[in-house]
Structure formats: C-alpha cells, structure tokens
Protein backbone atom coordinates (compact mmCIF):
# COMPACT_ATOMS: atom_id res chain seq x y z
CA UNK A 1 37.23 47.55 -61.46
CA UNK A 2 35.15 45.38 -59.16
CA UNK A 3 32.61 43.99 -62.40
CA UNK A 4 32.77 40.84 -60.65
CA UNK A 5 30.41 41.96 -57.74
CA UNK A 6 27.75 42.93 -60.29
CA UNK A 7 27.32 38.64 -60.74
CA UNK A 8 26.62 38.52 -56.92
CA UNK A 9 22.60 38.77 -55.63
CA UNK A 10 21.80 41.99 -55.10
CA UNK A 11 21.73 41.79 -50.88
CA UNK A 12 25.66 40.32 -51.19
CA UNK A 13 26.27 43.76 -53.62
CA UNK A 14 24.68 45.54 -51.10
CA UNK A 15 26.66 44.49 -47.84
CA UNK A 16 30.27 44.69 -49.91
CA UNK A 17 29.29 48.49 -50.99
CA UNK A 18 28.19 49.02 -47.85
CA UNK A 19 31.44 47.38 -45.74
CA UNK A 20 33.46 49.45 -48.69
CA UNK A 21 31.52 52.42 -47.65
CA UNK A 22 32.07 51.89 -43.69
CA UNK A 23 36.04 51.64 -43.62
CA UNK A 24 36.52 54.90 -46.19
CA UNK A 25 33.86 57.00 -43.93
CA UNK A 26 35.80 55.78 -40.96
CA UNK A 27 38.89 56.82 -42.44
CA UNK A 28 37.85 60.09 -43.24
CA UNK A 29 36.00 60.69 -39.77
CA UNK A 30 39.96 59.82 -38.30
CA UNK A 31 41.61 62.19 -41.21
CA UNK A 32 39.31 65.11 -40.03
CA UNK A 33 39.36 64.79 -36.25
CA UNK A 34 43.65 65.15 -37.29
CA UNK A 35 42.62 68.47 -38.35
CA UNK A 36 39.37 70.14 -36.75
CA UNK A 37 41.42 71.36 -34.17
CA UNK A 38 42.89 74.29 -36.43
CA UNK A 39 40.62 74.30 -39.72
CA UNK A 40 37.19 74.83 -39.38
CA UNK A 41 34.33 71.81 -40.61
CA UNK A 42 32.81 73.86 -43.11
CA UNK A 43 36.67 74.23 -45.08
CA UNK A 44 36.46 70.86 -44.42
CA UNK A 45 33.60 69.89 -46.41
CA UNK A 46 34.70 72.86 -49.07
CA UNK A 47 38.15 70.85 -49.61
CA UNK A 48 36.50 67.92 -49.62
CA UNK A 49 34.61 68.53 -52.58
CA UNK A 50 37.36 70.52 -54.54
CA UNK A 51 39.55 67.49 -54.07
CA UNK A 52 37.41 65.01 -54.33
CA UNK A 53 36.29 66.61 -57.95
CA UNK A 54 39.79 66.85 -58.96
CA UNK A 55 40.17 63.29 -58.54
CA UNK A 56 37.21 62.60 -60.82
CA UNK A 57 38.64 65.36 -63.34
CA UNK A 58 40.39 62.71 -65.72
CA UNK A 59 37.60 60.25 -65.69
CA UNK A 60 35.30 62.75 -66.66
CA UNK A 61 37.85 63.92 -69.60
CA UNK A 62 38.65 60.43 -70.65
CA UNK A 63 34.69 59.65 -70.78
CA UNK A 64 33.37 63.04 -72.34
CA UNK A 65 31.13 65.55 -70.43
CA UNK A 66 28.41 63.94 -71.59
CA UNK A 67 28.67 61.25 -69.02
CA UNK A 68 27.68 63.48 -66.50
CA UNK A 69 24.40 64.89 -67.72
CA UNK A 70 21.82 64.20 -65.06
CA UNK A 71 18.38 63.53 -65.00
CA UNK A 72 15.94 65.05 -61.64
CA UNK A 73 18.46 67.77 -60.84
CA UNK A 74 15.94 69.29 -58.02
CA UNK A 75 16.63 66.11 -56.11
CA UNK A 76 20.53 66.34 -56.23
CA UNK A 77 20.50 69.96 -55.50
CA UNK A 78 18.77 68.90 -52.60
CA UNK A 79 20.34 66.07 -51.63
CA UNK A 80 24.18 68.09 -51.77
CA UNK A 81 22.26 70.77 -50.09
CA UNK A 82 21.80 68.01 -47.18
CA UNK A 83 24.73 66.59 -47.48
CA UNK A 84 26.65 69.60 -46.89
CA UNK A 85 25.06 70.29 -43.13
CA UNK A 86 24.97 66.60 -42.61
CA UNK A 87 28.64 66.14 -43.79
CA UNK A 88 29.95 69.59 -41.53
CA UNK A 89 27.58 68.32 -38.20
CA UNK A 90 29.36 64.22 -39.10
CA UNK A 91 32.78 65.99 -38.55
CA UNK A 92 31.82 67.93 -35.70
CA UNK A 93 30.50 65.19 -33.52
CA UNK A 94 33.96 62.93 -34.98
CA UNK A 95 35.82 66.03 -33.07
CA UNK A 96 33.72 65.73 -29.47
CA UNK A 97 33.08 61.85 -29.75
CA UNK A 98 35.11 58.35 -29.76
CA UNK A 99 34.82 57.30 -33.47
CA UNK A 100 32.66 54.12 -32.82
CA UNK A 101 29.98 56.06 -30.36
CA UNK A 102 29.61 58.63 -33.17
CA UNK A 103 29.57 54.98 -35.55
CA UNK A 104 26.95 53.94 -33.49
CA UNK A 105 24.72 56.57 -33.69
CA UNK A 106 24.35 56.50 -37.13
CA UNK A 107 22.74 52.86 -36.88
CA UNK A 108 19.64 54.54 -36.14
CA UNK A 109 19.30 55.63 -39.81
CA UNK A 110 16.69 52.36 -40.56
CA UNK A 111 14.99 53.44 -37.41
CA UNK A 112 13.94 57.33 -38.72
CA UNK A 113 13.92 56.01 -42.49
CA UNK A 114 10.55 54.35 -41.40
CA UNK A 115 9.69 57.47 -39.66
CA UNK A 116 10.22 59.63 -42.53
CA UNK A 117 7.99 56.77 -44.42
CA UNK A 118 5.07 57.44 -42.53
CA UNK A 119 5.44 61.31 -42.58
CA UNK A 120 6.10 62.11 -46.20
CA UNK A 121 5.48 59.01 -48.01
CA UNK A 122 2.35 58.24 -46.26
CA UNK A 123 3.45 54.59 -45.49
CA UNK A 124 1.52 52.56 -42.29
CA UNK A 125 3.65 51.93 -39.64
CA UNK A 126 2.87 48.08 -39.18
CA UNK A 127 3.95 45.67 -35.88
CA UNK A 128 7.32 45.04 -38.21
CA UNK A 129 8.43 49.03 -37.50
CA UNK A 130 7.12 49.65 -34.44
CA UNK A 131 9.12 47.04 -33.55
CA UNK A 132 12.26 48.00 -35.20
CA UNK A 133 11.63 51.21 -33.95
CA UNK A 134 11.34 50.84 -30.67
CA UNK A 135 14.41 48.68 -30.54
CA UNK A 136 16.43 51.12 -32.55
CA UNK A 137 15.50 54.24 -29.63
CA UNK A 138 16.23 51.45 -26.86
CA UNK A 139 19.73 50.90 -28.41
CA UNK A 140 20.91 54.59 -28.47
CA UNK A 141 19.51 55.46 -25.18
CA UNK A 142 21.92 52.39 -23.91
CA UNK A 143 24.91 54.37 -25.96
CA UNK A 144 24.08 57.47 -25.38
CA UNK A 145 22.88 57.21 -21.57
CA UNK A 146 21.14 60.53 -20.62
CA UNK A 147 21.08 61.23 -17.08
CA UNK A 148 24.11 58.88 -16.37
CA UNK A 149 26.79 60.18 -18.32
CA UNK A 150 27.62 63.94 -19.62
CA UNK A 151 25.54 64.09 -23.11
CA UNK A 152 28.20 66.44 -24.89
CA UNK A 153 27.13 68.56 -28.09
CA UNK A 154 29.03 66.02 -30.01
CA UNK A 155 25.82 63.66 -29.91
CA UNK A 156 23.45 66.42 -30.90
CA UNK A 157 25.69 66.92 -34.31
CA UNK A 158 25.47 62.80 -34.56
CA UNK A 159 21.56 63.19 -34.62
CA UNK A 160 21.50 65.84 -37.11
CA UNK A 161 23.41 64.15 -39.39
CA UNK A 162 21.72 61.13 -39.20
CA UNK A 163 18.37 63.01 -39.96
CA UNK A 164 20.16 64.64 -43.33
CA UNK A 165 21.44 61.13 -43.92
CA UNK A 166 18.19 59.45 -43.79
CA UNK A 167 16.55 62.06 -46.01
CA UNK A 168 19.03 61.37 -48.70
CA UNK A 169 19.04 57.67 -48.70
CA UNK A 170 15.75 58.43 -50.30
CA UNK A 171 16.68 60.95 -52.50
CA UNK A 172 19.82 58.85 -53.64
CA UNK A 173 17.59 55.62 -54.16
CA UNK A 174 15.53 58.19 -56.34
CA UNK A 175 18.55 59.63 -58.21
CA UNK A 176 20.21 55.95 -58.91
CA UNK A 177 17.07 54.82 -61.29
CA UNK A 178 17.57 57.02 -63.89
CA UNK A 179 21.52 58.12 -63.57
CA UNK A 180 24.48 56.48 -63.51
CA UNK A 181 26.70 55.85 -60.06
CA UNK A 182 29.52 57.79 -60.82
CA UNK A 183 27.02 60.64 -62.21
CA UNK A 184 25.23 61.36 -59.24
CA UNK A 185 28.49 61.33 -57.25
CA UNK A 186 30.04 64.06 -59.56
CA UNK A 187 27.04 66.01 -59.27
CA UNK A 188 27.32 65.49 -55.20
CA UNK A 189 30.25 67.11 -55.39
CA UNK A 190 29.61 69.77 -57.69
CA UNK A 191 26.79 71.20 -55.55
CA UNK A 192 28.78 71.30 -52.47
CA UNK A 193 31.60 72.83 -53.70
CA UNK A 194 30.00 76.51 -53.80
CA UNK A 195 28.13 75.93 -50.56
CA UNK A 196 31.36 75.22 -49.18
CA UNK A 197 33.30 77.98 -50.44
CA UNK A 198 30.61 80.86 -49.31
CA UNK A 199 30.65 79.20 -45.71
CA UNK A 200 34.44 79.23 -45.15
CA UNK A 201 35.04 82.27 -46.12
CA UNK A 202 33.96 83.68 -42.78
CA UNK A 203 36.03 80.58 -41.28
CA UNK A 204 39.12 80.73 -43.14
CA UNK A 205 42.19 79.16 -42.11
CA UNK A 206 44.96 78.87 -44.56
CA UNK A 207 46.32 75.21 -44.06
CA UNK A 208 49.48 74.07 -43.44
CA UNK A 209 51.60 71.56 -46.19
CA UNK A 210 50.74 68.83 -43.39
CA UNK A 211 47.03 69.89 -43.66
CA UNK A 212 46.53 70.05 -47.20
CA UNK A 213 47.82 66.36 -47.55
CA UNK A 214 44.65 65.71 -45.44
CA UNK A 215 42.49 67.48 -46.90
CA UNK A 216 43.65 65.98 -50.43
CA UNK A 217 42.90 62.28 -49.14
CA UNK A 218 39.29 62.96 -47.19
CA UNK A 219 38.54 64.81 -50.54
CA UNK A 220 39.54 61.48 -52.39
CA UNK A 221 38.11 58.86 -49.19
CA UNK A 222 34.45 60.90 -49.95
CA UNK A 223 34.22 60.63 -53.91
CA UNK A 224 35.41 57.14 -53.06
CA UNK A 225 32.25 56.72 -50.75
CA UNK A 226 30.02 58.80 -52.87
CA UNK A 227 30.60 56.18 -56.10
CA UNK A 228 30.20 53.12 -53.85
CA UNK A 229 27.59 54.10 -52.20
CA UNK A 230 25.34 55.46 -55.62
CA UNK A 231 26.54 51.37 -56.45
CA UNK A 232 25.42 49.98 -53.38
CA UNK A 233 22.08 51.88 -53.27
CA UNK A 234 21.58 50.88 -56.83
CA UNK A 235 21.64 46.83 -56.12
CA UNK A 236 19.36 46.46 -53.74
CA UNK A 237 16.43 47.73 -52.08
CA UNK A 238 16.91 50.74 -49.38
CA UNK A 239 15.83 48.84 -46.50
CA UNK A 240 18.48 45.65 -47.14
CA UNK A 241 21.45 48.58 -48.16
CA UNK A 242 20.73 50.55 -45.17
CA UNK A 243 20.34 47.64 -42.86
CA UNK A 244 24.18 47.02 -43.66
CA UNK A 245 25.68 50.08 -42.36
CA UNK A 246 26.25 47.72 -38.98
CA UNK A 247 28.82 46.90 -40.52
CA UNK A 248 30.62 49.82 -39.78
CA UNK A 249 31.22 49.37 -36.22
CA UNK A 250 34.49 47.06 -36.13
CA UNK A 251 35.83 49.29 -38.40
CA UNK A 252 35.29 52.43 -36.44
CA UNK A 253 36.52 50.61 -33.41
CA UNK A 254 39.39 49.44 -35.18
CA UNK A 255 40.27 52.45 -36.53
CA UNK A 256 39.54 54.32 -33.21
CA UNK A 257 41.78 52.21 -31.27
CA UNK A 258 44.72 52.20 -33.50
CA UNK A 259 44.54 55.92 -34.23
CA UNK A 260 43.32 57.57 -31.14
CA UNK A 261 43.45 54.96 -28.47
CA UNK A 262 39.75 55.00 -27.99
CA UNK A 263 38.21 51.86 -26.40
CA UNK A 264 34.62 51.64 -26.75
CA UNK A 265 32.76 51.39 -23.60
CA UNK A 266 30.55 47.81 -23.06
CA UNK A 267 27.47 50.32 -23.42
CA UNK A 268 28.48 51.19 -27.11
CA UNK A 269 28.72 47.55 -28.10
CA UNK A 270 25.20 46.52 -26.38
CA UNK A 271 23.73 49.21 -27.83
CA UNK A 272 24.92 48.95 -31.34
CA UNK A 273 23.75 45.31 -31.19
CA UNK A 274 20.35 46.22 -30.31
CA UNK A 275 20.57 48.50 -32.74
CA UNK A 276 21.83 46.10 -35.45
CA UNK A 277 19.06 43.75 -34.71
CA UNK A 278 16.77 46.45 -35.32
CA UNK A 279 18.46 47.50 -38.55
CA UNK A 280 18.44 43.36 -39.59
CA UNK A 281 14.98 43.13 -38.75
CA UNK A 282 13.51 45.39 -40.62
CA UNK A 283 15.45 45.03 -43.68
CA UNK A 284 14.69 41.30 -43.42
CA UNK A 285 10.92 42.38 -43.26
CA UNK A 286 10.33 44.87 -45.57
CA UNK A 287 12.64 42.95 -48.23
CA UNK A 288 9.89 39.56 -47.43
CA UNK A 289 6.56 42.44 -47.72
CA UNK A 290 7.82 43.67 -50.48
CA UNK A 291 8.24 40.34 -52.47
CA UNK A 292 5.05 39.48 -51.52
CA UNK A 293 3.20 42.84 -52.27
CA UNK A 294 2.88 44.38 -48.54
CA UNK A 295 3.23 47.11 -47.04
C-alpha cells in the first residue's frame, strides 16, 4: 500500500507523509479529549501502546518475528521513554486548549531542533538559523500572547511535548537509517507499554465500553502515525520533514470546529503563519546548504 509514493521526489514524499501524520495525530487528540475528563492521560498512553501493538500483531505473525530485529536498541529505548512523557503532555494540553492552538505550538519544533543541534551536535548557528529561530519564537508569542491573555497550564504541557518531540526527531532519523520503518514503529510501542502500565496503576480508572472504543481508536491511529512517521523521516532530510509540519493546522482547525465548535482566533492564524514561514525558510536553506556541502 502506498508503494506509488516511493516514486516521488523525497521532499514530495515527506510532504505527503506529514499531511497523513497531521490528520492522524489530530484525530487522536480529538479522541483523547472525549475521554480525558474521566481517564487519566497515563492510562490513555498505556492503552494507546497496547491496542497499537495488537493492531500490528497480525503483520508480525504473517512476516515472522525476524522482521522486527532491531539495531541500536539504546536509541529506541530513549525514544520510547521520551515519547511516553511527551505523549502524556500532548494529551494533557489537548484537554485544556483548542486543538488549533496546540497544533500551532508544535510548529516550533524546527526552531528548537536548530537550538538542539547547537547544544548537542556542536553545529554553528549561522544567520539563516538565527533568523528562523527569531521568527519562530515571535510566532509562538503571537499565539500565546503572554500578558494579554491568561496562559493556562495547557501551554506548558504543549511546550514540554514539543521539547520531547524535537529530541525524538533526531532519534527517529538515526533509527530509520539502520532499521525498517515498521520495525521502528513496533518497538516504539513496545518500549512505551511497560512505562504506561506502571504509571497508570497509580491513577487507574476502569474504562466503560464506549471509552474502550475510543482507546482502541487512539491505539490504531497512533500506530498508523508511527508507521507513517518512520516513512516520512526516511524519505528526506530532517529539516525538510519537520518543515512540513505546518500542514497540520488546517486539519486541526477543521476537526476542532466540527467536533467541539472551536473557532481559532485571528492571532492563532497570524502566529502560525509566522512559524510556518520560519519552518519553510529553514527547511529550504538547510536543504540548499546540504547540497552545497555547507553547515
């Protein structure tokens, strides 16, 4: 399925997968909000991992256990641990903020990725990167408007999620270089499952039949997200892939309006436009610099 996508240029493949990912992620946020008032986010993350693995079990049985042999297990353990806490924070943010605002804040990932590259990879911040960082942070401030509106705890949860997602972007790029995409997706869930089990034991609430249905949907959509993400990150350079994350906003705005009657204020669109411009700019300049052998 989707084999025809492999014939497209890498950047086009990345854009396609990021649009799919944005749609799937937004749906999982919608599902989680429907039950987050009764089910703790740790429990949601646990069942997300459980049902995601159950969804992939027939695929593993059909192809054999050898198909999920993993290289660089240390990185997958780190990625799964970060994803557990990042996912919990993302669901917590979605329960407290409009979906479009949560999605818009996640657009800051390329900015923090540039900062992380300096701190952990000893890369140099040249003018293009400083420009992107300043633009992106300005866009985030436009959305949040500290001092003009009340900033709730959901904003803090959203930014913690962004930090973990940024780090995991680097981890995923390393893993997809030496592992098949589906193998990475499966092990991602395997690592999060015991973490979620231990955490949710302290906050356990037995879900109703309806809530189980939403939890199954979250697990299936999350596994599809991970499979799509692994393919997207394998298709193009990291800066290019992350730069296309702004495609999520229209999807989030539409679903937020259709499901919860949320209408994003003009500040969200303005700030998102600034962040998207920053992301596209850094993706374009980084790709060009790589082709020219620059840093």
